[in-house]
Structures are given as C-alpha cells and as structure tokens.
C-alpha cells in the first residue's frame, strides 16, 4: 500500500567485473599510497636511525656530547651499554649509550 512496485522489486544482478585489469586498477591507489609513505616517512627514519647507530658506535673517551635530556658533558669511560659522562669537575653520571643524541666539536665545552 505505501510501497510502490518500483521499490518492492529486487535489485538487478551485478554485471561481471572487468577481470584482473580492473582489480589491479582498483588496487593502484593503495599501492601508490604505500610507495609515497615509504619514501616520505619510513626511508628517512631508517636513514636517521642508521646514522645515529654509527655515531653511537664511534663514541670515544674525551668526546663532548649532548644527552637526550639536554645535558652537555665529556665522556670519560665507555662500556658496552653504558658511558660515563663528566658534567663538571668531580661530577660524573652513567648513561646508556643510546641516550647520547649528538657529538659536539672538540673544544665546545670549557
């Protein structure tokens, strides 16, 4: 009574898809987004991690460094996982090697 015959009919059967070409064409935006994400975000981050790892491996006693907390000091002892950093005379702290974020040029700290 309230539903017309046009609404009461069933939907027509879907036409067959265009095959594998249409499927690949539908997946192309997703693949393109992943490629852009890789080159804009993932690859630079991996490069930055690699450079940080090389800097951490090259640490030596006497290097002047900045820690993740922003503290500046000079490395006095180096272990496998920890370094001892002298903040001022007779003040030393032990830090994880990964807590060092930058090596300063020699003579920066006076």
C-alpha atoms as a PDB file:
ATOM      1  CA  UNK A   1       0.000   0.000   0.000  1.00  0.00           C
ATOM      2  CA  UNK A   2       2.687   2.548   0.979  1.00  0.00           C
ATOM      3  CA  UNK A   3       5.481   0.884  -1.025  1.00  0.00           C
ATOM      4  CA  UNK A   4       5.322   1.319  -4.751  1.00  0.00           C
ATOM      5  CA  UNK A   5       6.120  -1.576  -7.012  1.00  0.00           C
ATOM      6  CA  UNK A   6       9.429   0.044  -8.070  1.00  0.00           C
ATOM      7  CA  UNK A   7      10.777  -0.103  -4.523  1.00  0.00           C
ATOM      8  CA  UNK A   8       9.470  -3.603  -3.918  1.00  0.00           C
ATOM      9  CA  UNK A   9      11.419  -5.128  -6.799  1.00  0.00           C
ATOM     10  CA  UNK A  10      14.755  -6.777  -6.239  1.00  0.00           C
ATOM     11  CA  UNK A  11      17.976  -5.233  -7.459  1.00  0.00           C
ATOM     12  CA  UNK A  12      19.262  -6.378 -10.835  1.00  0.00           C
ATOM     13  CA  UNK A  13      22.207  -8.785 -10.919  1.00  0.00           C
ATOM     14  CA  UNK A  14      25.602  -7.109 -10.980  1.00  0.00           C
ATOM     15  CA  UNK A  15      27.470  -7.037 -14.254  1.00  0.00           C
ATOM     16  CA  UNK A  16      30.603  -9.188 -14.354  1.00  0.00           C
ATOM     17  CA  UNK A  17      33.776  -7.327 -13.421  1.00  0.00           C
ATOM     18  CA  UNK A  18      36.343  -6.326 -15.993  1.00  0.00           C
ATOM     19  CA  UNK A  19      38.724  -9.081 -14.905  1.00  0.00           C
ATOM     20  CA  UNK A  20      42.175  -8.854 -13.444  1.00  0.00           C
ATOM     21  CA  UNK A  21      42.913  -5.486 -15.067  1.00  0.00           C
ATOM     22  CA  UNK A  22      40.071  -3.814 -13.216  1.00  0.00           C
ATOM     23  CA  UNK A  23      41.189  -5.368  -9.941  1.00  0.00           C
ATOM     24  CA  UNK A  24      44.734  -4.075 -10.411  1.00  0.00           C
ATOM     25  CA  UNK A  25      43.394  -0.669 -11.345  1.00  0.00           C
ATOM     26  CA  UNK A  26      41.337  -0.601  -8.142  1.00  0.00           C
ATOM     27  CA  UNK A  27      44.400  -1.545  -6.050  1.00  0.00           C
ATOM     28  CA  UNK A  28      46.652   1.045  -7.708  1.00  0.00           C
ATOM     29  CA  UNK A  29      45.770   3.943  -5.322  1.00  0.00           C
ATOM     30  CA  UNK A  30      46.529   1.741  -2.308  1.00  0.00           C
ATOM     31  CA  UNK A  31      49.895   0.685  -3.741  1.00  0.00           C
ATOM     32  CA  UNK A  32      50.694   4.275  -4.680  1.00  0.00           C
ATOM     33  CA  UNK A  33      49.889   5.477  -1.133  1.00  0.00           C
ATOM     34  CA  UNK A  34      52.220   2.837   0.333  1.00  0.00           C
ATOM     35  CA  UNK A  35      55.062   3.839  -2.012  1.00  0.00           C
ATOM     36  CA  UNK A  36      54.647   7.522  -1.120  1.00  0.00           C
ATOM     37  CA  UNK A  37      54.504   6.643   2.600  1.00  0.00           C
ATOM     38  CA  UNK A  38      57.709   4.618   2.264  1.00  0.00           C
ATOM     39  CA  UNK A  39      59.686   7.371   0.533  1.00  0.00           C
ATOM     40  CA  UNK A  40      58.374  10.248   2.663  1.00  0.00           C
ATOM     41  CA  UNK A  41      58.305   8.688   6.120  1.00  0.00           C
ATOM     42  CA  UNK A  42      59.828   5.232   6.504  1.00  0.00           C
ATOM     43  CA  UNK A  43      63.022   5.587   4.443  1.00  0.00           C
ATOM     44  CA  UNK A  44      64.202   8.878   6.050  1.00  0.00           C
ATOM     45  CA  UNK A  45      63.553   7.446   9.514  1.00  0.00           C
ATOM     46  CA  UNK A  46      65.602   4.329   8.736  1.00  0.00           C
ATOM     47  CA  UNK A  47      68.415   6.514   7.420  1.00  0.00           C
ATOM     48  CA  UNK A  48      68.348   8.636  10.580  1.00  0.00           C
ATOM     49  CA  UNK A  49      68.458   5.509  12.784  1.00  0.00           C
ATOM     50  CA  UNK A  50      71.415   4.163  10.807  1.00  0.00           C
ATOM     51  CA  UNK A  51      73.331   7.443  11.231  1.00  0.00           C
ATOM     52  CA  UNK A  52      72.588   7.502  14.986  1.00  0.00           C
ATOM     53  CA  UNK A  53      73.767   3.907  15.364  1.00  0.00           C
ATOM     54  CA  UNK A  54      77.032   4.770  13.532  1.00  0.00           C
ATOM     55  CA  UNK A  55      77.547   7.793  15.804  1.00  0.00           C
ATOM     56  CA  UNK A  56      76.945   5.693  18.943  1.00  0.00           C
ATOM     57  CA  UNK A  57      79.410   3.034  17.758  1.00  0.00           C
ATOM     58  CA  UNK A  58      82.073   5.685  17.062  1.00  0.00           C
ATOM     59  CA  UNK A  59      81.998   7.231  20.554  1.00  0.00           C
ATOM     60  CA  UNK A  60      85.364   7.560  22.261  1.00  0.00           C
ATOM     61  CA  UNK A  61      86.646   8.804  25.599  1.00  0.00           C
ATOM     62  CA  UNK A  62      87.130  12.565  25.512  1.00  0.00           C
ATOM     63  CA  UNK A  63      84.214  13.230  23.136  1.00  0.00           C
ATOM     64  CA  UNK A  64      81.974  16.118  24.129  1.00  0.00           C
ATOM     65  CA  UNK A  65      78.318  15.123  23.845  1.00  0.00           C
ATOM     66  CA  UNK A  66      74.729  16.212  24.359  1.00  0.00           C
ATOM     67  CA  UNK A  67      72.403  13.752  26.072  1.00  0.00           C
ATOM     68  CA  UNK A  68      68.709  13.209  25.407  1.00  0.00           C
ATOM     69  CA  UNK A  69      67.960  15.309  28.492  1.00  0.00           C
ATOM     70  CA  UNK A  70      69.910  18.245  27.109  1.00  0.00           C
ATOM     71  CA  UNK A  71      72.876  17.840  29.437  1.00  0.00           C
ATOM     72  CA  UNK A  72      76.321  18.591  27.997  1.00  0.00           C
ATOM     73  CA  UNK A  73      79.375  16.679  29.154  1.00  0.00           C
ATOM     74  CA  UNK A  74      82.584  14.892  28.275  1.00  0.00           C
ATOM     75  CA  UNK A  75      82.817  11.107  28.017  1.00  0.00           C
ATOM     76  CA  UNK A  76      85.321   9.653  30.484  1.00  0.00           C
ATOM     77  CA  UNK A  77      84.672   5.887  30.282  1.00  0.00           C
ATOM     78  CA  UNK A  78      82.898   3.740  27.706  1.00  0.00           C
ATOM     79  CA  UNK A  79      81.343   0.342  28.305  1.00  0.00           C
ATOM     80  CA  UNK A  80      79.297  -1.949  26.088  1.00  0.00           C
ATOM     81  CA  UNK A  81      75.946  -0.433  27.042  1.00  0.00           C
ATOM     82  CA  UNK A  82      76.833   2.474  29.347  1.00  0.00           C
ATOM     83  CA  UNK A  83      79.073   5.523  29.176  1.00  0.00           C
ATOM     84  CA  UNK A  84      80.341   7.657  31.996  1.00  0.00           C
ATOM     85  CA  UNK A  85      79.915  11.364  31.299  1.00  0.00           C
ATOM     86  CA  UNK A  86      81.640  14.092  33.285  1.00  0.00           C
ATOM     87  CA  UNK A  87      79.296  17.066  33.687  1.00  0.00           C
ATOM     88  CA  UNK A  88      81.712  19.212  35.689  1.00  0.00           C
ATOM     89  CA  UNK A  89      84.776  18.528  37.783  1.00  0.00           C
ATOM     90  CA  UNK A  90      84.133  15.605  40.135  1.00  0.00           C
ATOM     91  CA  UNK A  91      80.559  15.138  38.848  1.00  0.00           C
ATOM     92  CA  UNK A  92      80.050  12.050  36.710  1.00  0.00           C
ATOM     93  CA  UNK A  93      76.910  10.258  35.616  1.00  0.00           C
ATOM     94  CA  UNK A  94      76.387   6.951  33.886  1.00  0.00           C
ATOM     95  CA  UNK A  95      74.114   6.901  30.867  1.00  0.00           C
ATOM     96  CA  UNK A  96      73.012   4.406  28.298  1.00  0.00           C
ATOM     97  CA  UNK A  97      74.857   4.827  25.020  1.00  0.00           C
ATOM     98  CA  UNK A  98      71.565   5.438  23.216  1.00  0.00           C
ATOM     99  CA  UNK A  99      70.881   8.469  25.450  1.00  0.00           C
ATOM    100  CA  UNK A 100      73.576  10.411  23.611  1.00  0.00           C
ATOM    101  CA  UNK A 101      71.995  12.329  20.757  1.00  0.00           C
ATOM    102  CA  UNK A 102      74.872  14.420  19.419  1.00  0.00           C
ATOM    103  CA  UNK A 103      78.647  14.619  19.482  1.00  0.00           C
ATOM    104  CA  UNK A 104      79.927  18.184  19.721  1.00  0.00           C
ATOM    105  CA  UNK A 105      83.097  19.520  18.067  1.00  0.00           C
ATOM    106  CA  UNK A 106      86.208  19.366  20.252  1.00  0.00           C
ATOM    107  CA  UNK A 107      86.633  22.414  22.478  1.00  0.00           C
ATOM    108  CA  UNK A 108      82.947  23.306  22.669  1.00  0.00           C
ATOM    109  CA  UNK A 109      82.824  22.796  26.439  1.00  0.00           C
ATOM    110  CA  UNK A 110      85.126  24.969  28.517  1.00  0.00           C
END
